[in-house]
């Protein structure tokens, strides 16, 4: 009887061991989920015409090529900070363009983006023009102090499009106009500012606005975590989020298709609340719920509520050349 019991126990132990070994083999052979690769994005040199125009900021002369290079660098920096793309170096893009003898007139042609995308091995291309850069200087003599007050205004206008190179489709396109007024800068800060400082400020503002729009077109701001009344957003420093900024929150529904082409043109959205950014950290931001019309969940899209622009002031006589 003891011998039978021992044999039964031995068979049971062997069966359990075999089952465990099979489970381990299945686990080892199961495919490991691949880490999602970031899409590659290239910013092509922005077109400026005509090339011989020069701009003066106070007494500092600024060549037109400087406009393109500095604006493009600012745009690249902001897209890199988003951590959503593998952004190609400016020097690499220029090298490939030169090797293939591609000029501005080539890459601004509709349909060329797919060919250039293959050469650069890029998933997205940013193509654009700098249409206008103007600076105005307003001088006013103050009788009481016998001093001359100088007020500087600047305007920059760019338009661009983002193209998915695989399909050739335009993901998003926009025209952005940004203005700079020295009176909006605190006196203590502007008293030592040079013409170059004003230029950098205007370029940075325009580049931030453009990069945020590009991000919105491909990767809109989303709720990454919900912890009671506190939310975590999937954007951090350098991506346009500021403390106090408010966003409308939308829940996504079914896909919407174009009845003519059958292409998916978006998703049905329902507004479910308003949130306000409370902290901006390196890789993410925190927000609080201001208004809730539904359940705010992970993955919900957040779109910034634009502040109403102030009424335009009377035009100031142009003091420096522009286009």
Protein backbone atom coordinates (compact mmCIF):
# COMPACT_ATOMS: atom_id res chain seq x y z
CA UNK A 1 0.00 0.00 0.00
CA UNK A 2 2.89 2.31 0.86
CA UNK A 3 4.55 1.51 -2.46
CA UNK A 4 1.35 2.47 -4.37
CA UNK A 5 1.08 5.74 -2.41
CA UNK A 6 4.71 6.60 -3.18
CA UNK A 7 4.19 5.84 -6.88
CA UNK A 8 1.05 8.02 -6.94
CA UNK A 9 2.93 10.88 -5.25
CA UNK A 10 5.83 10.57 -7.69
CA UNK A 11 3.47 10.67 -10.69
CA UNK A 12 1.76 13.77 -9.24
CA UNK A 13 5.10 15.56 -8.71
CA UNK A 14 6.22 14.73 -12.27
CA UNK A 15 2.91 16.01 -13.69
CA UNK A 16 3.16 19.30 -11.80
CA UNK A 17 6.81 19.77 -12.83
CA UNK A 18 5.94 19.11 -16.47
CA UNK A 19 3.09 21.63 -16.36
CA UNK A 20 5.36 24.25 -14.82
CA UNK A 21 8.05 23.68 -17.46
CA UNK A 22 5.47 24.00 -20.25
CA UNK A 23 4.15 27.25 -18.77
CA UNK A 24 7.69 28.66 -18.57
CA UNK A 25 8.38 27.64 -22.18
CA UNK A 26 5.19 29.38 -23.35
CA UNK A 27 6.08 32.50 -21.37
CA UNK A 28 9.61 32.54 -22.80
CA UNK A 29 8.40 32.03 -26.36
CA UNK A 30 5.63 34.65 -26.10
CA UNK A 31 6.42 37.72 -28.24
CA UNK A 32 7.63 40.74 -26.27
CA UNK A 33 5.62 43.87 -27.14
CA UNK A 34 7.80 46.08 -29.33
CA UNK A 35 8.60 49.53 -28.00
CA UNK A 36 6.88 52.15 -30.11
CA UNK A 37 9.39 54.12 -32.14
CA UNK A 38 9.04 57.87 -32.38
CA UNK A 39 8.18 59.14 -35.86
CA UNK A 40 11.00 60.99 -37.61
CA UNK A 41 10.37 64.63 -38.47
CA UNK A 42 12.40 66.98 -40.66
CA UNK A 43 12.05 70.75 -40.91
CA UNK A 44 13.01 71.94 -44.38
CA UNK A 45 14.58 75.41 -44.72
CA UNK A 46 11.86 78.03 -44.70
CA UNK A 47 11.62 79.95 -47.97
CA UNK A 48 12.24 83.70 -47.90
CA UNK A 49 11.76 85.92 -50.90
CA UNK A 50 13.41 88.01 -52.17
CA UNK A 51 16.81 86.88 -50.88
CA UNK A 52 18.50 90.28 -51.14
CA UNK A 53 16.20 92.08 -48.66
CA UNK A 54 17.76 93.23 -45.41
CA UNK A 55 16.00 94.30 -42.24
CA UNK A 56 17.12 96.84 -39.65
CA UNK A 57 16.35 96.49 -35.96
CA UNK A 58 17.35 99.83 -34.49
CA UNK A 59 20.95 100.19 -35.69
CA UNK A 60 21.56 96.48 -36.19
CA UNK A 61 21.39 95.16 -39.73
CA UNK A 62 19.91 91.68 -40.06
CA UNK A 63 20.47 89.71 -43.24
CA UNK A 64 17.55 87.76 -44.59
CA UNK A 65 19.39 84.43 -44.24
CA UNK A 66 19.65 85.06 -40.49
CA UNK A 67 15.86 85.24 -40.29
CA UNK A 68 15.46 81.76 -41.75
CA UNK A 69 18.28 80.09 -39.79
CA UNK A 70 17.38 81.53 -36.38
CA UNK A 71 13.65 80.94 -36.76
CA UNK A 72 14.21 77.35 -37.96
CA UNK A 73 16.57 76.68 -35.03
CA UNK A 74 13.96 77.94 -32.56
CA UNK A 75 11.32 75.74 -34.19
CA UNK A 76 13.59 72.68 -34.03
CA UNK A 77 14.35 73.24 -30.34
CA UNK A 78 10.67 73.36 -29.44
CA UNK A 79 9.85 70.22 -31.42
CA UNK A 80 12.75 68.38 -29.74
CA UNK A 81 11.50 69.44 -26.29
CA UNK A 82 8.15 67.82 -27.01
CA UNK A 83 9.87 64.37 -27.02
CA UNK A 84 7.25 63.20 -29.51
CA UNK A 85 9.56 62.99 -32.54
CA UNK A 86 13.03 62.06 -33.62
CA UNK A 87 13.92 65.43 -35.13
CA UNK A 88 16.58 65.40 -37.84
CA UNK A 89 19.51 67.77 -37.41
CA UNK A 90 19.41 70.88 -39.56
CA UNK A 91 22.94 70.17 -40.90
CA UNK A 92 21.91 66.64 -41.96
CA UNK A 93 18.86 67.94 -43.83
CA UNK A 94 20.93 70.58 -45.61
CA UNK A 95 23.58 67.97 -46.51
CA UNK A 96 21.00 65.64 -48.13
CA UNK A 97 19.39 68.55 -49.95
CA UNK A 98 22.76 69.65 -51.31
CA UNK A 99 23.84 66.15 -52.34
CA UNK A 100 20.63 65.68 -54.32
CA UNK A 101 20.78 69.22 -55.74
CA UNK A 102 17.39 70.12 -54.30
CA UNK A 103 16.57 73.81 -54.24
CA UNK A 104 13.79 75.78 -52.57
CA UNK A 105 11.84 75.78 -55.83
CA UNK A 106 11.93 71.96 -55.79
CA UNK A 107 10.69 71.18 -52.30
CA UNK A 108 7.89 73.74 -52.25
CA UNK A 109 6.27 72.05 -55.25
CA UNK A 110 3.17 70.02 -54.29
CA UNK A 111 3.88 66.30 -54.45
CA UNK A 112 7.64 66.58 -53.94
CA UNK A 113 7.35 65.88 -50.22
CA UNK A 114 7.11 62.11 -50.71
CA UNK A 115 10.35 61.98 -52.71
CA UNK A 116 12.18 64.20 -50.23
CA UNK A 117 10.78 62.17 -47.34
CA UNK A 118 12.33 59.01 -48.79
CA UNK A 119 15.70 60.72 -49.21
CA UNK A 120 15.65 61.92 -45.59
CA UNK A 121 13.97 58.75 -44.26
CA UNK A 122 11.47 61.01 -42.50
CA UNK A 123 7.85 60.27 -41.57
CA UNK A 124 6.84 63.95 -41.53
CA UNK A 125 8.10 67.06 -43.30
CA UNK A 126 7.52 70.65 -42.21
CA UNK A 127 7.54 72.98 -45.23
CA UNK A 128 6.97 76.72 -44.98
CA UNK A 129 7.53 80.35 -45.93
CA UNK A 130 8.48 83.38 -43.90
CA UNK A 131 6.18 85.92 -45.52
CA UNK A 132 6.82 89.01 -43.49
CA UNK A 133 9.18 90.47 -40.91
CA UNK A 134 8.67 94.11 -40.01
CA UNK A 135 9.85 96.41 -37.26
CA UNK A 136 8.45 99.85 -36.46
CA UNK A 137 10.11 102.48 -34.29
CA UNK A 138 8.05 105.20 -32.63
CA UNK A 139 9.92 108.07 -30.98
CA UNK A 140 8.26 110.56 -28.63
CA UNK A 141 9.92 113.52 -26.95
CA UNK A 142 8.92 113.98 -23.29
CA UNK A 143 8.98 117.68 -22.45
CA UNK A 144 9.11 117.27 -18.68
CA UNK A 145 12.16 114.98 -18.59
CA UNK A 146 13.68 116.20 -21.86
CA UNK A 147 14.11 112.57 -22.85
CA UNK A 148 13.07 110.70 -25.96
CA UNK A 149 10.83 107.68 -25.41
CA UNK A 150 11.34 104.90 -27.95
CA UNK A 151 8.68 102.31 -28.62
CA UNK A 152 9.47 99.35 -30.88
CA UNK A 153 6.90 97.15 -32.58
CA UNK A 154 7.59 94.01 -34.57
CA UNK A 155 5.54 91.65 -36.71
CA UNK A 156 6.41 88.23 -38.08
CA UNK A 157 4.22 86.17 -40.37
CA UNK A 158 4.89 82.58 -41.44
CA UNK A 159 2.81 79.90 -43.10
CA UNK A 160 3.60 76.21 -43.14
CA UNK A 161 2.23 72.75 -43.72
CA UNK A 162 3.07 69.35 -42.23
CA UNK A 163 3.06 66.46 -44.69
CA UNK A 164 2.94 62.74 -43.93
CA UNK A 165 5.52 61.45 -46.41
CA UNK A 166 4.15 57.93 -46.73
CA UNK A 167 0.74 59.04 -47.98
CA UNK A 168 1.57 62.56 -49.15
CA UNK A 169 -1.35 63.90 -47.10
CA UNK A 170 -1.19 67.30 -45.44
CA UNK A 171 -1.69 66.61 -41.73
CA UNK A 172 -2.10 70.27 -40.82
CA UNK A 173 -1.43 73.72 -42.25
CA UNK A 174 -1.61 77.20 -40.81
CA UNK A 175 -0.59 80.84 -41.14
CA UNK A 176 0.73 82.45 -37.97
CA UNK A 177 1.19 86.16 -37.32
CA UNK A 178 2.87 87.26 -34.09
CA UNK A 179 3.40 90.81 -32.85
CA UNK A 180 5.89 92.35 -30.45
CA UNK A 181 5.43 95.65 -28.61
CA UNK A 182 8.17 96.94 -26.34
CA UNK A 183 5.60 98.56 -24.01
CA UNK A 184 4.41 95.07 -23.06
CA UNK A 185 7.88 94.26 -21.68
CA UNK A 186 8.59 95.39 -18.08
CA UNK A 187 10.76 98.58 -18.04
CA UNK A 188 13.47 96.97 -15.92
CA UNK A 189 13.77 94.16 -18.43
CA UNK A 190 13.71 96.20 -21.61
CA UNK A 191 16.06 98.99 -20.56
CA UNK A 192 19.12 96.90 -21.47
CA UNK A 193 17.62 95.07 -24.44
CA UNK A 194 19.36 95.35 -27.80
CA UNK A 195 17.86 95.08 -31.27
CA UNK A 196 18.96 91.45 -31.31
CA UNK A 197 17.10 90.78 -28.07
CA UNK A 198 13.86 92.11 -29.55
CA UNK A 199 14.39 90.01 -32.65
CA UNK A 200 15.04 86.85 -30.61
CA UNK A 201 11.93 87.49 -28.54
CA UNK A 202 9.75 87.80 -31.64
CA UNK A 203 11.29 84.75 -33.34
CA UNK A 204 10.90 82.63 -30.20
CA UNK A 205 7.25 83.62 -29.77
CA UNK A 206 6.48 82.77 -33.41
CA UNK A 207 8.43 79.48 -33.26
CA UNK A 208 6.65 78.37 -30.07
CA UNK A 209 3.26 79.13 -31.62
CA UNK A 210 4.17 77.22 -34.81
CA UNK A 211 5.60 74.19 -32.98
CA UNK A 212 2.54 73.99 -30.72
CA UNK A 213 0.25 73.97 -33.74
CA UNK A 214 2.34 71.21 -35.35
CA UNK A 215 2.12 69.17 -32.16
CA UNK A 216 -1.63 69.75 -31.96
CA UNK A 217 -2.02 68.49 -35.53
CA UNK A 218 -0.18 65.23 -34.86
CA UNK A 219 -0.18 64.70 -31.08
CA UNK A 220 -2.73 66.89 -29.25
CA UNK A 221 -2.42 67.42 -25.50
CA UNK A 222 -4.00 64.49 -23.64
CA UNK A 223 -4.81 63.52 -20.09
CA UNK A 224 -2.18 60.98 -18.99
CA UNK A 225 -3.42 60.37 -15.45
CA UNK A 226 -6.41 61.19 -13.25
CA UNK A 227 -5.83 61.41 -9.50
CA UNK A 228 -9.02 62.69 -7.93
CA UNK A 229 -9.34 66.38 -8.83
CA UNK A 230 -5.73 66.54 -10.09
CA UNK A 231 -4.81 65.65 -13.65
CA UNK A 232 -1.49 64.92 -15.32
CA UNK A 233 -1.03 66.06 -18.94
CA UNK A 234 1.41 64.49 -21.40
CA UNK A 235 3.31 67.73 -22.14
CA UNK A 236 6.04 69.42 -20.17
CA UNK A 237 8.42 72.36 -20.33
CA UNK A 238 9.01 74.05 -23.66
CA UNK A 239 5.83 72.81 -25.31
CA UNK A 240 3.62 75.86 -24.83
CA UNK A 241 1.87 74.94 -21.58
CA UNK A 242 1.92 77.71 -18.96
CA UNK A 243 0.55 77.93 -15.45
CA UNK A 244 -2.93 79.43 -15.58
CA UNK A 245 -3.59 78.31 -19.15
CA UNK A 246 -7.06 76.82 -19.59
CA UNK A 247 -8.06 73.94 -21.86
CA UNK A 248 -11.34 72.46 -23.00
CA UNK A 249 -11.45 68.67 -22.62
CA UNK A 250 -13.07 66.43 -25.24
CA UNK A 251 -13.96 62.75 -25.16
CA UNK A 252 -13.44 60.97 -28.48
CA UNK A 253 -16.16 58.92 -30.12
CA UNK A 254 -16.57 57.13 -33.43
CA UNK A 255 -14.44 57.93 -36.48
CA UNK A 256 -15.90 60.36 -39.02
CA UNK A 257 -15.39 59.57 -42.71
CA UNK A 258 -15.61 61.78 -45.77
CA UNK A 259 -18.66 60.51 -47.70
CA UNK A 260 -16.95 61.28 -51.03
CA UNK A 261 -13.53 59.70 -50.49
CA UNK A 262 -14.09 57.35 -47.55
CA UNK A 263 -11.05 58.87 -45.80
CA UNK A 264 -11.17 59.24 -42.02
CA UNK A 265 -11.27 63.01 -41.42
CA UNK A 266 -11.51 62.94 -37.64
CA UNK A 267 -13.49 61.61 -34.73
CA UNK A 268 -16.75 62.60 -33.12
CA UNK A 269 -15.98 64.68 -30.02
CA UNK A 270 -17.97 65.64 -26.94
CA UNK A 271 -16.90 68.45 -24.64
CA UNK A 272 -16.70 67.12 -21.10
CA UNK A 273 -15.01 69.88 -19.13
CA UNK A 274 -12.52 72.70 -18.67
CA UNK A 275 -9.17 72.38 -16.89
CA UNK A 276 -6.45 74.83 -15.80
CA UNK A 277 -2.72 74.15 -15.73
CA UNK A 278 -1.30 74.42 -12.19
CA UNK A 279 2.31 73.29 -12.70
CA UNK A 280 4.63 72.67 -15.63
CA UNK A 281 7.45 70.17 -15.08
CA UNK A 282 10.15 68.80 -17.35
CA UNK A 283 8.20 65.91 -18.88
CA UNK A 284 4.60 66.53 -17.85
CA UNK A 285 2.23 69.13 -16.45
CA UNK A 286 -0.42 69.13 -13.74
CA UNK A 287 -3.90 70.61 -13.99
CA UNK A 288 -7.04 71.05 -11.94
CA UNK A 289 -10.66 70.65 -13.01
CA UNK A 290 -12.42 74.00 -13.41
CA UNK A 291 -15.68 72.65 -14.82
CA UNK A 292 -16.89 69.12 -15.42
CA UNK A 293 -19.73 68.07 -17.72
CA UNK A 294 -18.77 64.42 -17.69
CA UNK A 295 -16.13 61.96 -16.53
CA UNK A 296 -12.59 63.09 -17.40
CA UNK A 297 -10.62 60.00 -18.33
CA UNK A 298 -7.12 59.10 -19.51
CA UNK A 299 -6.69 59.78 -23.23
CA UNK A 300 -9.17 62.66 -23.41
CA UNK A 301 -8.00 65.46 -25.74
CA UNK A 302 -7.31 68.95 -24.38
CA UNK A 303 -7.47 72.05 -26.58
CA UNK A 304 -6.31 75.45 -25.40
CA UNK A 305 -8.84 78.22 -24.92
CA UNK A 306 -7.47 81.16 -26.86
CA UNK A 307 -7.54 84.55 -25.13
CA UNK A 308 -9.42 87.25 -26.96
CA UNK A 309 -7.03 89.52 -28.82
CA UNK A 310 -7.01 93.18 -27.93
CA UNK A 311 -8.41 95.65 -30.40
CA UNK A 312 -5.86 96.58 -33.05
CA UNK A 313 -4.16 99.94 -32.53
CA UNK A 314 -3.89 102.55 -35.28
CA UNK A 315 -1.17 101.78 -37.80
CA UNK A 316 2.24 103.29 -37.00
CA UNK A 317 4.31 104.73 -39.85
CA UNK A 318 6.89 102.23 -41.04
CA UNK A 319 10.41 103.16 -39.96
CA UNK A 320 12.35 100.23 -41.31
CA UNK A 321 12.05 98.14 -44.47
CA UNK A 322 9.96 94.98 -44.54
CA UNK A 323 7.94 92.89 -46.94
